N, C-alpha and C. Protein backbone atom coordinates (compact mmCIF):
# COMPACT_ATOMS: atom_id res chain seq x y z
N MET A 1 59.76 -46.43 -48.90
CA MET A 1 59.59 -47.52 -47.53
C MET A 1 60.98 -47.17 -46.74
N GLU A 2 61.67 -46.14 -46.98
CA GLU A 2 62.82 -46.06 -46.13
C GLU A 2 62.53 -45.58 -44.65
N GLY A 3 62.86 -46.48 -43.65
CA GLY A 3 62.54 -46.20 -42.04
C GLY A 3 61.21 -46.84 -42.00
N LYS A 4 60.68 -47.28 -42.75
CA LYS A 4 59.25 -47.85 -42.67
C LYS A 4 59.51 -49.58 -42.09
N LEU A 5 60.49 -50.13 -42.81
CA LEU A 5 60.61 -51.53 -42.33
C LEU A 5 61.06 -51.98 -40.94
N SER A 6 60.24 -52.82 -40.59
CA SER A 6 60.72 -53.27 -38.93
C SER A 6 62.39 -53.94 -39.14
N ARG A 7 62.68 -53.97 -37.88
CA ARG A 7 63.95 -54.28 -37.84
C ARG A 7 64.28 -55.98 -38.23
N VAL A 8 63.09 -57.00 -37.69
CA VAL A 8 63.05 -58.18 -38.23
C VAL A 8 63.04 -58.26 -39.78
N SER A 9 62.15 -57.69 -40.52
CA SER A 9 62.23 -57.70 -42.01
C SER A 9 63.52 -57.29 -42.34
N GLN A 10 64.07 -56.25 -42.02
CA GLN A 10 65.86 -55.73 -42.43
C GLN A 10 66.66 -56.60 -42.19
N SER A 11 66.62 -57.81 -41.27
CA SER A 11 67.71 -58.36 -41.03
C SER A 11 67.58 -59.66 -41.88
N LEU A 12 66.39 -60.01 -42.58
CA LEU A 12 66.28 -61.01 -43.23
C LEU A 12 66.89 -60.79 -44.71
N LYS A 13 67.66 -62.07 -45.20
CA LYS A 13 68.63 -62.20 -46.42
C LYS A 13 67.96 -62.74 -47.46
N PRO A 14 68.35 -62.26 -48.90
CA PRO A 14 67.56 -62.75 -49.90
C PRO A 14 68.00 -64.42 -49.95
N SER A 15 66.83 -65.29 -50.41
CA SER A 15 66.99 -66.63 -50.67
C SER A 15 67.91 -66.75 -51.64
N PRO A 16 69.13 -67.86 -51.09
CA PRO A 16 70.35 -68.38 -52.10
C PRO A 16 69.59 -69.08 -53.26
N ILE A 17 68.60 -69.84 -53.02
CA ILE A 17 67.77 -70.78 -53.57
C ILE A 17 67.18 -69.97 -55.00
N GLN A 18 66.26 -68.89 -54.64
CA GLN A 18 65.88 -68.10 -55.73
C GLN A 18 66.98 -67.31 -56.40
N GLN A 19 67.85 -66.86 -55.67
CA GLN A 19 68.99 -66.26 -56.75
C GLN A 19 69.63 -67.08 -57.59
N LEU A 20 69.60 -68.41 -57.03
CA LEU A 20 70.45 -69.68 -58.32
C LEU A 20 69.21 -69.43 -58.89
N SER A 21 68.02 -70.24 -58.68
CA SER A 21 67.12 -70.20 -59.93
C SER A 21 66.94 -69.07 -60.92
N LEU A 22 67.00 -67.71 -60.37
CA LEU A 22 67.25 -66.92 -61.64
C LEU A 22 68.31 -66.73 -62.32
N LEU A 23 69.39 -67.07 -61.72
CA LEU A 23 70.68 -67.15 -62.76
C LEU A 23 70.53 -68.10 -63.58
N ALA A 24 70.11 -69.14 -63.18
CA ALA A 24 69.83 -70.31 -64.14
C ALA A 24 68.68 -70.24 -65.38
N GLN A 25 67.75 -69.11 -64.97
CA GLN A 25 66.74 -69.02 -65.86
C GLN A 25 67.59 -68.10 -66.95
N ASN A 26 68.28 -67.26 -66.63
CA ASN A 26 69.07 -66.01 -67.16
C ASN A 26 69.74 -66.84 -67.92
N SER A 27 70.61 -67.93 -67.72
CA SER A 27 71.64 -68.28 -68.35
C SER A 27 71.36 -69.66 -69.00
N ASN A 28 70.30 -70.10 -69.05
CA ASN A 28 69.61 -70.91 -70.00
C ASN A 28 70.45 -72.31 -69.31
N ALA A 29 70.62 -72.23 -68.09
CA ALA A 29 71.38 -73.24 -67.22
C ALA A 29 70.14 -74.43 -66.71
N ILE A 30 70.96 -75.69 -66.40
CA ILE A 30 70.00 -76.80 -65.84
C ILE A 30 69.67 -76.31 -64.41
N ASN A 31 68.55 -76.16 -63.78
CA ASN A 31 68.36 -75.71 -62.52
C ASN A 31 68.62 -76.92 -61.43
N LEU A 32 69.33 -77.03 -60.61
CA LEU A 32 69.14 -78.24 -59.75
C LEU A 32 68.97 -77.46 -58.14
N ALA A 33 68.40 -76.35 -58.16
CA ALA A 33 68.48 -75.62 -56.69
C ALA A 33 66.94 -75.78 -56.14
N GLU A 34 65.80 -76.22 -57.34
CA GLU A 34 64.66 -76.71 -56.86
C GLU A 34 64.19 -77.87 -57.39
N GLY A 35 62.95 -78.40 -56.87
CA GLY A 35 62.62 -79.76 -57.17
C GLY A 35 61.33 -79.30 -58.22
N PHE A 36 61.90 -79.14 -59.51
CA PHE A 36 60.93 -79.30 -60.72
C PHE A 36 60.32 -80.42 -61.34
N PRO A 37 59.09 -80.85 -61.30
CA PRO A 37 58.56 -81.87 -61.63
C PRO A 37 58.94 -82.17 -63.02
N ASP A 38 59.35 -83.29 -63.75
CA ASP A 38 59.75 -83.30 -64.62
C ASP A 38 58.57 -84.39 -65.69
N PHE A 39 57.50 -84.61 -65.17
CA PHE A 39 56.25 -85.09 -65.72
C PHE A 39 54.91 -84.55 -65.31
N PRO A 40 53.88 -84.79 -66.56
CA PRO A 40 52.77 -83.92 -66.34
C PRO A 40 52.22 -84.01 -65.20
N ALA A 41 51.07 -83.23 -64.78
CA ALA A 41 49.86 -83.40 -64.01
C ALA A 41 49.25 -84.86 -64.38
N PRO A 42 48.79 -85.50 -63.41
CA PRO A 42 47.87 -86.58 -64.04
C PRO A 42 46.58 -86.19 -64.12
N PRO A 43 46.01 -86.93 -65.19
CA PRO A 43 44.98 -86.01 -66.21
C PRO A 43 43.44 -86.02 -65.43
N ASN A 44 43.40 -87.11 -64.19
CA ASN A 44 42.13 -86.79 -63.72
C ASN A 44 41.96 -85.46 -62.70
N ILE A 45 43.58 -85.32 -62.40
CA ILE A 45 43.72 -83.97 -61.57
C ILE A 45 43.40 -82.59 -62.52
N LYS A 46 43.80 -82.82 -63.55
CA LYS A 46 43.77 -81.70 -64.82
C LYS A 46 42.10 -81.40 -65.06
N SER A 47 41.63 -82.71 -65.10
CA SER A 47 39.93 -82.22 -65.71
C SER A 47 39.38 -81.99 -64.41
N ALA A 48 39.53 -82.40 -63.03
CA ALA A 48 38.64 -81.73 -62.05
C ALA A 48 39.02 -80.58 -61.93
N ALA A 49 40.40 -79.93 -62.23
CA ALA A 49 40.72 -78.61 -62.03
C ALA A 49 39.87 -77.54 -62.91
N ILE A 50 39.76 -78.05 -64.25
CA ILE A 50 38.96 -77.69 -65.27
C ILE A 50 37.53 -77.47 -65.01
N SER A 51 37.11 -78.59 -64.56
CA SER A 51 35.62 -78.57 -64.25
C SER A 51 35.31 -77.67 -62.99
N ALA A 52 36.54 -77.68 -62.11
CA ALA A 52 36.01 -76.74 -60.74
C ALA A 52 36.03 -75.35 -61.48
N ILE A 53 37.00 -74.85 -62.35
CA ILE A 53 37.12 -73.41 -63.19
C ILE A 53 35.67 -73.05 -63.67
N GLN A 54 35.15 -73.88 -64.72
CA GLN A 54 33.98 -74.03 -65.37
C GLN A 54 32.65 -74.02 -64.67
N SER A 55 32.76 -74.52 -63.63
CA SER A 55 31.45 -74.38 -62.70
C SER A 55 31.38 -73.62 -61.71
N ASP A 56 32.47 -72.49 -61.56
CA ASP A 56 32.50 -71.21 -60.88
C ASP A 56 32.50 -71.48 -59.56
N LEU A 57 33.47 -72.69 -59.10
CA LEU A 57 33.79 -72.90 -57.75
C LEU A 57 34.95 -71.99 -57.34
N ASN A 58 34.49 -70.79 -57.06
CA ASN A 58 35.66 -69.60 -56.64
C ASN A 58 35.29 -68.97 -55.50
N GLN A 59 34.38 -69.84 -54.44
CA GLN A 59 34.52 -69.06 -53.37
C GLN A 59 35.07 -69.76 -52.06
N TYR A 60 35.09 -69.27 -50.80
CA TYR A 60 36.03 -69.77 -49.74
C TYR A 60 35.36 -70.90 -49.24
N ARG A 61 36.10 -71.97 -49.27
CA ARG A 61 35.74 -73.23 -48.58
C ARG A 61 35.79 -73.83 -47.38
N HIS A 62 35.27 -74.64 -46.63
CA HIS A 62 35.68 -75.25 -45.74
C HIS A 62 36.36 -76.32 -46.30
N VAL A 63 37.67 -76.77 -45.16
CA VAL A 63 38.50 -77.85 -45.52
C VAL A 63 38.25 -79.12 -44.52
N GLN A 64 37.04 -79.04 -43.96
CA GLN A 64 36.96 -80.11 -43.00
C GLN A 64 37.22 -81.69 -43.44
N GLY A 65 36.53 -81.94 -44.80
CA GLY A 65 36.54 -83.26 -45.43
C GLY A 65 38.20 -83.42 -45.64
N ILE A 66 38.98 -82.59 -46.47
CA ILE A 66 40.36 -83.01 -46.42
C ILE A 66 41.04 -83.04 -44.89
N CYS A 67 40.69 -82.81 -43.96
CA CYS A 67 41.11 -82.83 -42.67
C CYS A 67 40.87 -84.25 -41.94
N GLU A 68 39.53 -84.61 -42.28
CA GLU A 68 39.11 -85.70 -42.13
C GLU A 68 40.08 -87.01 -42.52
N ARG A 69 40.20 -86.97 -43.66
CA ARG A 69 40.86 -87.60 -44.72
C ARG A 69 42.51 -88.06 -43.98
N LEU A 70 42.80 -86.74 -43.95
CA LEU A 70 44.36 -86.68 -43.16
C LEU A 70 44.57 -87.15 -42.01
N ALA A 71 43.22 -87.24 -40.88
CA ALA A 71 43.24 -87.91 -39.70
C ALA A 71 43.18 -89.21 -39.93
N LYS A 72 42.49 -89.86 -40.88
CA LYS A 72 42.46 -91.28 -41.02
C LYS A 72 43.38 -91.76 -41.58
N LYS A 73 44.65 -90.78 -42.46
CA LYS A 73 45.70 -91.27 -42.97
C LYS A 73 46.80 -91.29 -41.91
N MET A 74 46.81 -90.61 -40.79
CA MET A 74 47.89 -90.50 -39.62
C MET A 74 47.55 -92.03 -38.99
N LYS A 75 46.07 -92.22 -38.75
CA LYS A 75 46.02 -93.20 -38.13
C LYS A 75 46.48 -94.64 -38.80
N GLU A 76 46.06 -94.60 -39.94
CA GLU A 76 46.73 -95.96 -40.95
C GLU A 76 48.22 -95.88 -41.03
N MET A 77 48.74 -94.40 -41.36
CA MET A 77 50.61 -94.55 -41.10
C MET A 77 51.04 -94.77 -39.99
N HIS A 78 50.81 -94.19 -39.10
CA HIS A 78 51.51 -93.95 -37.78
C HIS A 78 50.66 -94.43 -36.54
N GLY A 79 49.54 -94.97 -36.41
CA GLY A 79 48.64 -95.56 -35.50
C GLY A 79 48.21 -94.16 -34.62
N LEU A 80 48.21 -92.64 -34.99
CA LEU A 80 48.07 -91.64 -34.09
C LEU A 80 46.39 -91.46 -34.24
N ASP A 81 45.85 -91.00 -33.03
CA ASP A 81 44.61 -90.66 -33.35
C ASP A 81 44.52 -89.09 -32.90
N VAL A 82 44.18 -88.44 -34.23
CA VAL A 82 44.15 -87.23 -34.27
C VAL A 82 42.75 -86.25 -34.49
N ASP A 83 42.56 -85.12 -34.01
CA ASP A 83 41.37 -84.56 -33.96
C ASP A 83 41.37 -83.64 -35.19
N PRO A 84 40.64 -84.19 -36.24
CA PRO A 84 40.49 -83.50 -37.56
C PRO A 84 40.10 -82.11 -37.46
N LEU A 85 39.47 -81.50 -36.37
CA LEU A 85 38.86 -80.15 -36.06
C LEU A 85 40.26 -79.51 -35.18
N THR A 86 41.12 -79.93 -34.58
CA THR A 86 42.01 -79.12 -33.46
C THR A 86 43.53 -79.47 -33.87
N ASP A 87 43.49 -80.68 -34.26
CA ASP A 87 45.12 -81.38 -34.69
C ASP A 87 45.65 -80.97 -36.11
N ILE A 88 44.94 -80.54 -36.91
CA ILE A 88 45.29 -80.60 -38.38
C ILE A 88 44.63 -79.33 -38.93
N ALA A 89 45.85 -78.58 -39.87
CA ALA A 89 45.85 -77.25 -40.48
C ALA A 89 45.97 -77.56 -41.88
N ILE A 90 45.64 -77.11 -42.76
CA ILE A 90 45.64 -77.18 -44.29
C ILE A 90 46.52 -75.87 -44.75
N CYS A 91 47.59 -76.03 -45.29
CA CYS A 91 48.42 -74.83 -45.50
C CYS A 91 48.70 -74.74 -47.17
N CYS A 92 49.23 -73.81 -47.72
CA CYS A 92 49.39 -73.93 -48.77
C CYS A 92 51.38 -74.07 -49.14
N GLY A 93 51.90 -75.09 -49.04
CA GLY A 93 52.91 -75.63 -49.30
C GLY A 93 53.90 -75.64 -47.74
N GLN A 94 54.92 -76.14 -48.23
CA GLN A 94 55.79 -76.34 -46.85
C GLN A 94 56.34 -75.17 -45.93
N SER A 95 56.72 -73.99 -46.93
CA SER A 95 56.84 -72.74 -46.13
C SER A 95 56.06 -72.32 -45.24
N GLU A 96 54.43 -72.29 -45.65
CA GLU A 96 53.43 -71.61 -44.92
C GLU A 96 53.34 -72.62 -43.48
N ALA A 97 53.50 -74.26 -43.87
CA ALA A 97 52.90 -74.95 -43.02
C ALA A 97 54.24 -74.88 -41.66
N PHE A 98 55.62 -74.72 -42.26
CA PHE A 98 56.65 -74.20 -41.23
C PHE A 98 56.41 -73.32 -40.46
N ALA A 99 55.83 -72.02 -41.05
CA ALA A 99 55.79 -70.61 -40.44
C ALA A 99 54.56 -70.80 -39.59
N ALA A 100 53.56 -71.43 -39.51
CA ALA A 100 52.29 -71.45 -39.12
C ALA A 100 52.71 -72.26 -37.69
N ALA A 101 53.63 -73.71 -37.96
CA ALA A 101 53.94 -74.23 -36.78
C ALA A 101 55.07 -73.21 -36.02
N VAL A 102 56.03 -72.75 -36.30
CA VAL A 102 57.05 -71.91 -35.49
C VAL A 102 55.90 -70.73 -34.73
N PHE A 103 55.04 -70.21 -35.70
CA PHE A 103 54.63 -68.69 -35.10
C PHE A 103 53.47 -69.43 -33.73
N ALA A 104 53.12 -70.66 -34.01
CA ALA A 104 52.19 -71.09 -32.96
C ALA A 104 52.71 -71.80 -31.69
N THR A 105 54.11 -71.73 -31.83
CA THR A 105 54.97 -72.67 -30.59
C THR A 105 56.06 -71.95 -30.31
N ILE A 106 56.60 -71.25 -30.92
CA ILE A 106 57.61 -70.40 -30.10
C ILE A 106 57.69 -69.03 -29.91
N ASP A 107 58.51 -69.07 -28.87
CA ASP A 107 58.15 -67.55 -28.25
C ASP A 107 59.46 -66.82 -28.22
N PRO A 108 59.68 -65.58 -28.14
CA PRO A 108 60.93 -65.00 -27.93
C PRO A 108 61.82 -65.60 -27.00
N GLY A 109 63.05 -65.67 -27.63
CA GLY A 109 63.87 -66.58 -26.40
C GLY A 109 64.22 -67.90 -26.37
N ASP A 110 62.95 -68.65 -27.08
CA ASP A 110 62.82 -69.88 -26.93
C ASP A 110 64.04 -70.63 -28.08
N GLU A 111 64.77 -71.32 -27.55
CA GLU A 111 65.92 -71.80 -28.58
C GLU A 111 65.40 -73.26 -29.51
N VAL A 112 65.72 -72.96 -30.70
CA VAL A 112 65.18 -74.30 -31.51
C VAL A 112 66.51 -74.89 -32.16
N LEU A 113 66.75 -76.30 -32.34
CA LEU A 113 67.73 -76.87 -32.61
C LEU A 113 67.63 -77.18 -34.23
N LEU A 114 68.55 -76.90 -35.03
CA LEU A 114 68.37 -77.23 -36.26
C LEU A 114 69.68 -77.88 -36.56
N PHE A 115 69.36 -79.30 -37.67
CA PHE A 115 70.57 -79.89 -38.26
C PHE A 115 71.10 -79.02 -39.34
N GLU A 116 72.80 -78.80 -39.13
CA GLU A 116 73.31 -77.89 -40.30
C GLU A 116 73.95 -79.17 -40.96
N PRO A 117 74.43 -79.16 -42.32
CA PRO A 117 73.56 -77.95 -43.29
C PRO A 117 71.90 -77.92 -42.89
N VAL A 118 71.33 -76.60 -43.21
CA VAL A 118 70.09 -76.14 -42.97
C VAL A 118 69.33 -75.87 -43.70
N TYR A 119 68.15 -76.05 -44.17
CA TYR A 119 67.23 -75.53 -45.39
C TYR A 119 67.09 -73.85 -44.84
N GLU A 120 67.30 -73.29 -45.97
CA GLU A 120 67.66 -71.53 -45.28
C GLU A 120 66.46 -71.04 -45.09
N THR A 121 65.04 -71.39 -45.01
CA THR A 121 64.20 -70.35 -44.68
C THR A 121 63.81 -70.65 -43.19
N TYR A 122 64.19 -72.14 -42.83
CA TYR A 122 64.33 -72.28 -41.27
C TYR A 122 64.55 -71.29 -39.93
N GLU A 123 65.98 -70.99 -40.57
CA GLU A 123 66.43 -69.99 -39.63
C GLU A 123 65.75 -68.63 -39.34
N ALA A 124 65.40 -68.03 -40.81
CA ALA A 124 64.75 -66.82 -40.82
C ALA A 124 63.31 -66.77 -40.11
N CYS A 125 62.59 -67.91 -40.42
CA CYS A 125 61.34 -68.01 -39.52
C CYS A 125 61.42 -67.93 -38.29
N ILE A 126 62.52 -68.63 -37.71
CA ILE A 126 62.79 -68.68 -36.24
C ILE A 126 62.99 -67.18 -35.80
N ARG A 127 63.78 -66.79 -36.29
CA ARG A 127 64.21 -65.07 -36.01
C ARG A 127 62.95 -64.28 -35.87
N MET A 128 62.02 -64.43 -36.96
CA MET A 128 61.03 -63.51 -37.01
C MET A 128 60.25 -63.56 -36.00
N VAL A 129 60.11 -64.54 -35.11
CA VAL A 129 59.15 -64.59 -33.94
C VAL A 129 60.20 -64.24 -32.91
N GLY A 130 61.39 -64.04 -32.83
CA GLY A 130 62.43 -63.73 -31.72
C GLY A 130 62.65 -65.18 -31.07
N GLY A 131 62.75 -66.24 -31.81
CA GLY A 131 63.48 -67.51 -31.24
C GLY A 131 64.75 -67.56 -31.65
N ILE A 132 65.59 -68.50 -31.06
CA ILE A 132 67.17 -68.43 -31.34
C ILE A 132 67.56 -69.69 -31.88
N PRO A 133 67.89 -69.82 -33.22
CA PRO A 133 68.33 -71.28 -33.78
C PRO A 133 69.62 -71.38 -33.44
N ILE A 134 69.59 -72.83 -32.74
CA ILE A 134 70.91 -73.21 -32.17
C ILE A 134 71.24 -74.37 -33.60
N PHE A 135 72.36 -74.45 -34.07
CA PHE A 135 72.87 -74.96 -34.98
C PHE A 135 73.54 -76.54 -34.48
N VAL A 136 73.41 -77.59 -34.95
CA VAL A 136 73.67 -79.09 -34.70
C VAL A 136 74.43 -79.66 -35.77
N MET A 137 75.53 -79.44 -36.03
CA MET A 137 76.40 -79.86 -37.30
C MET A 137 76.12 -81.42 -37.35
N LEU A 138 75.77 -81.95 -38.46
CA LEU A 138 76.12 -83.28 -38.97
C LEU A 138 76.87 -83.50 -39.59
N ASP A 139 77.72 -84.83 -39.31
CA ASP A 139 79.22 -85.03 -39.44
C ASP A 139 79.29 -85.90 -40.74
N PRO A 140 80.18 -85.03 -41.62
CA PRO A 140 80.22 -85.44 -42.90
C PRO A 140 81.29 -86.75 -42.74
N PRO A 141 81.41 -87.44 -44.17
CA PRO A 141 80.71 -87.44 -45.62
C PRO A 141 79.45 -87.63 -45.71
N HIS A 142 78.93 -88.74 -44.53
CA HIS A 142 77.58 -89.04 -44.93
C HIS A 142 76.40 -88.41 -44.01
N TRP A 143 77.11 -87.56 -43.31
CA TRP A 143 75.84 -86.73 -42.22
C TRP A 143 75.45 -87.40 -41.59
N THR A 144 76.09 -88.04 -40.60
CA THR A 144 75.53 -88.58 -39.72
C THR A 144 75.48 -88.00 -38.49
N LEU A 145 74.32 -88.47 -37.40
CA LEU A 145 73.81 -87.57 -36.22
C LEU A 145 75.03 -88.08 -35.22
N ASN A 146 75.64 -87.26 -34.68
CA ASN A 146 76.44 -87.44 -33.36
C ASN A 146 75.44 -87.38 -32.09
N VAL A 147 75.22 -88.43 -31.75
CA VAL A 147 73.98 -88.23 -30.56
C VAL A 147 74.17 -87.29 -29.64
N GLU A 148 76.04 -87.51 -29.01
CA GLU A 148 76.33 -86.84 -27.81
C GLU A 148 76.19 -85.58 -28.22
N LYS A 149 76.76 -85.12 -29.16
CA LYS A 149 77.04 -83.35 -29.53
C LYS A 149 75.27 -83.01 -29.39
N PHE A 150 74.73 -83.70 -30.13
CA PHE A 150 72.88 -83.43 -30.29
C PHE A 150 72.28 -83.02 -28.81
N ARG A 151 72.57 -84.19 -27.98
CA ARG A 151 72.16 -84.04 -26.30
C ARG A 151 72.78 -83.09 -25.97
N ASN A 152 74.17 -83.03 -26.00
CA ASN A 152 74.54 -81.64 -25.34
C ASN A 152 73.94 -80.08 -26.12
N SER A 153 73.49 -80.11 -27.03
CA SER A 153 73.01 -78.78 -27.39
C SER A 153 71.58 -78.33 -26.52
N PHE A 154 70.98 -78.98 -26.14
CA PHE A 154 69.90 -78.68 -25.27
C PHE A 154 70.44 -77.79 -24.06
N THR A 155 69.47 -76.90 -24.07
CA THR A 155 69.69 -76.12 -22.61
C THR A 155 68.00 -75.82 -22.00
N SER A 156 67.94 -75.22 -21.15
CA SER A 156 66.97 -75.01 -20.27
C SER A 156 66.03 -74.02 -21.20
N ARG A 157 66.35 -73.69 -22.08
CA ARG A 157 65.35 -72.48 -22.99
C ARG A 157 65.11 -73.58 -24.38
N THR A 158 65.42 -74.90 -24.66
CA THR A 158 65.48 -75.41 -25.87
C THR A 158 63.90 -75.77 -25.92
N LYS A 159 63.22 -75.39 -26.99
CA LYS A 159 61.67 -75.70 -27.06
C LYS A 159 61.34 -76.64 -28.02
N ALA A 160 62.05 -76.69 -29.20
CA ALA A 160 61.85 -77.62 -30.26
C ALA A 160 63.07 -78.10 -31.02
N VAL A 161 62.79 -79.01 -31.90
CA VAL A 161 63.89 -79.87 -32.72
C VAL A 161 63.36 -80.02 -34.14
N VAL A 162 63.99 -79.18 -35.12
CA VAL A 162 63.32 -79.52 -36.45
C VAL A 162 64.02 -80.50 -36.94
N LEU A 163 63.12 -81.23 -37.60
CA LEU A 163 63.68 -82.57 -38.18
C LEU A 163 63.37 -82.53 -39.84
N ASN A 164 64.20 -82.72 -40.87
CA ASN A 164 63.27 -82.97 -42.29
C ASN A 164 64.03 -84.46 -42.83
N SER A 165 63.64 -85.37 -43.33
CA SER A 165 64.08 -86.55 -43.29
C SER A 165 63.45 -86.87 -44.79
N PRO A 166 63.86 -86.90 -45.88
CA PRO A 166 65.09 -86.72 -46.65
C PRO A 166 65.68 -85.25 -46.21
N HIS A 167 66.69 -85.43 -45.91
CA HIS A 167 67.54 -83.85 -45.21
C HIS A 167 67.55 -83.03 -46.37
N ASN A 168 67.32 -81.80 -46.18
CA ASN A 168 67.60 -80.81 -47.27
C ASN A 168 68.49 -79.96 -46.62
N PRO A 169 69.72 -79.66 -47.14
CA PRO A 169 69.73 -79.80 -48.79
C PRO A 169 70.68 -81.16 -48.86
N THR A 170 71.28 -81.90 -48.03
CA THR A 170 72.03 -82.82 -48.34
C THR A 170 71.44 -84.10 -49.09
N GLY A 171 70.31 -84.47 -48.94
CA GLY A 171 69.54 -85.75 -49.37
C GLY A 171 69.81 -86.59 -48.34
N LYS A 172 70.51 -86.46 -47.07
CA LYS A 172 70.26 -87.83 -46.11
C LYS A 172 69.11 -88.26 -45.87
N VAL A 173 68.87 -89.72 -45.48
CA VAL A 173 67.40 -89.96 -45.00
C VAL A 173 68.31 -90.64 -43.64
N PHE A 174 67.60 -90.13 -42.54
CA PHE A 174 68.03 -90.40 -40.97
C PHE A 174 67.58 -91.53 -40.74
N LYS A 175 68.54 -92.38 -40.37
CA LYS A 175 68.23 -94.20 -40.03
C LYS A 175 67.64 -94.17 -38.68
N LYS A 176 66.99 -95.36 -38.49
CA LYS A 176 66.17 -95.41 -37.73
C LYS A 176 66.56 -95.26 -35.98
N ASP A 177 68.12 -95.53 -35.82
CA ASP A 177 68.35 -95.66 -34.54
C ASP A 177 68.66 -93.83 -34.28
N GLU A 178 68.74 -93.11 -35.30
CA GLU A 178 68.81 -91.63 -35.23
C GLU A 178 67.67 -91.07 -34.79
N LEU A 179 66.64 -91.60 -35.62
CA LEU A 179 65.34 -90.88 -35.25
C LEU A 179 64.99 -91.23 -33.96
N ALA A 180 65.05 -92.49 -33.53
CA ALA A 180 64.77 -93.07 -31.96
C ALA A 180 65.74 -92.07 -31.19
N ALA A 181 66.88 -91.77 -31.37
CA ALA A 181 67.50 -90.99 -30.56
C ALA A 181 67.09 -89.22 -30.18
N ILE A 182 66.57 -89.26 -31.48
CA ILE A 182 66.04 -87.47 -31.53
C ILE A 182 64.76 -87.74 -30.86
N ALA A 183 63.71 -88.65 -30.91
CA ALA A 183 62.43 -88.89 -30.23
C ALA A 183 62.52 -89.04 -28.75
N GLU A 184 63.73 -89.71 -28.31
CA GLU A 184 63.96 -90.13 -27.03
C GLU A 184 64.12 -88.52 -26.29
N ALA A 185 65.14 -87.84 -27.01
CA ALA A 185 65.49 -86.79 -26.50
C ALA A 185 64.24 -85.66 -26.29
N CYS A 186 63.68 -85.66 -27.15
CA CYS A 186 62.11 -84.63 -27.22
C CYS A 186 61.55 -85.15 -26.22
N HIS A 187 61.16 -86.41 -25.86
CA HIS A 187 60.31 -86.67 -25.19
C HIS A 187 60.65 -86.61 -23.81
N SER A 188 61.97 -87.29 -23.36
CA SER A 188 62.60 -87.15 -21.82
C SER A 188 62.99 -85.85 -21.56
N LEU A 189 63.19 -84.80 -22.59
CA LEU A 189 63.23 -83.23 -22.16
C LEU A 189 62.46 -82.34 -22.39
N ASP A 190 61.11 -83.08 -22.61
CA ASP A 190 59.75 -82.29 -22.97
C ASP A 190 59.51 -81.04 -24.04
N CYS A 191 60.70 -81.60 -25.18
CA CYS A 191 60.61 -80.51 -26.20
C CYS A 191 59.84 -80.81 -27.69
N LEU A 192 59.25 -80.11 -28.35
CA LEU A 192 58.39 -80.45 -29.27
C LEU A 192 59.32 -80.85 -30.61
N ALA A 193 58.99 -81.73 -31.41
CA ALA A 193 59.77 -82.06 -32.86
C ALA A 193 58.59 -81.38 -33.79
N ILE A 194 59.44 -80.37 -34.59
CA ILE A 194 58.79 -80.12 -35.65
C ILE A 194 59.37 -80.54 -36.94
N THR A 195 58.55 -81.46 -37.55
CA THR A 195 58.92 -82.40 -38.86
C THR A 195 58.52 -82.01 -40.06
N ASP A 196 59.53 -82.00 -40.87
CA ASP A 196 59.15 -81.40 -42.56
C ASP A 196 59.34 -82.82 -43.07
N GLU A 197 58.00 -83.02 -43.77
CA GLU A 197 58.33 -84.36 -44.17
C GLU A 197 57.45 -84.51 -45.78
N VAL A 198 58.11 -83.26 -46.23
CA VAL A 198 57.40 -83.20 -47.93
C VAL A 198 57.80 -84.40 -48.67
N LYS A 199 58.61 -84.85 -48.50
CA LYS A 199 59.10 -85.78 -49.25
C LYS A 199 58.70 -87.18 -48.75
N ILE A 200 57.88 -87.76 -47.88
CA ILE A 200 57.65 -88.87 -47.07
C ILE A 200 57.41 -89.87 -47.93
N LEU A 201 56.16 -89.59 -48.92
CA LEU A 201 55.54 -90.38 -49.70
C LEU A 201 56.69 -90.90 -51.01
N SER A 202 57.60 -90.37 -51.20
CA SER A 202 58.45 -90.53 -52.47
C SER A 202 59.67 -91.54 -51.93
N MET A 203 59.62 -91.78 -50.67
CA MET A 203 60.98 -92.47 -50.20
C MET A 203 60.71 -93.63 -50.33
C-alpha cells in the first residue's frame, strides 16, 4: 500500500481511545475509556432480534417508519416541525452521523469551532473534508464557556459550531445561559450548530 494512500488518510492519527481499550484488554484492567453498558439488553429487544433472525428478515429495508417516529419525537421534545423524508437520516451510531453531517455541510476552507478538550474524532473528520478546526478552550476547573472568547473565535469563514452535552471528555453539562449564548451566536452570525446529543435521554 506504500504510495497508495491519500494525503488525508496519511495525516490521520490512531485513536487514543482504541489504544487505551486495547491496553486495558491486554492488561486485564478496568476500562474507563469507553461507555460499556453494565446491564443486559431488555428482554423484548433480544426477543425481537431473535425473531427477526429466525424469520429471515435479512434484506435491505426502508427506514421511513423510524423517520416518522423521530419526527414526531422532535415535535414532542423540541416543538420542531421536521420533514421525515428530507430532514432525518438514520445512521449507525454517533461517528457515522457526525461524519454525514460534516460531509453534507463543510467545504474546503470552512472553519468549524470545537470546544476544547475535544472528542477525538471531530477534528479528524473535519480535516478529511478540508475544513479547518478552530479550538475554543473551556475554562477549568468547571469547564465554563467564556462567551467573549467564544464570540471572538468567529471569522467570516466560520461555517459551524460543534456542541456535545454532556461534553466529551469532561462530562460537563452546558448551562442554559451558555447554550443560549451559543444559539444566539449561531443565529446572528448565520452559522450551523452541529449537536452531538448521544446522552440526551440519560441526563
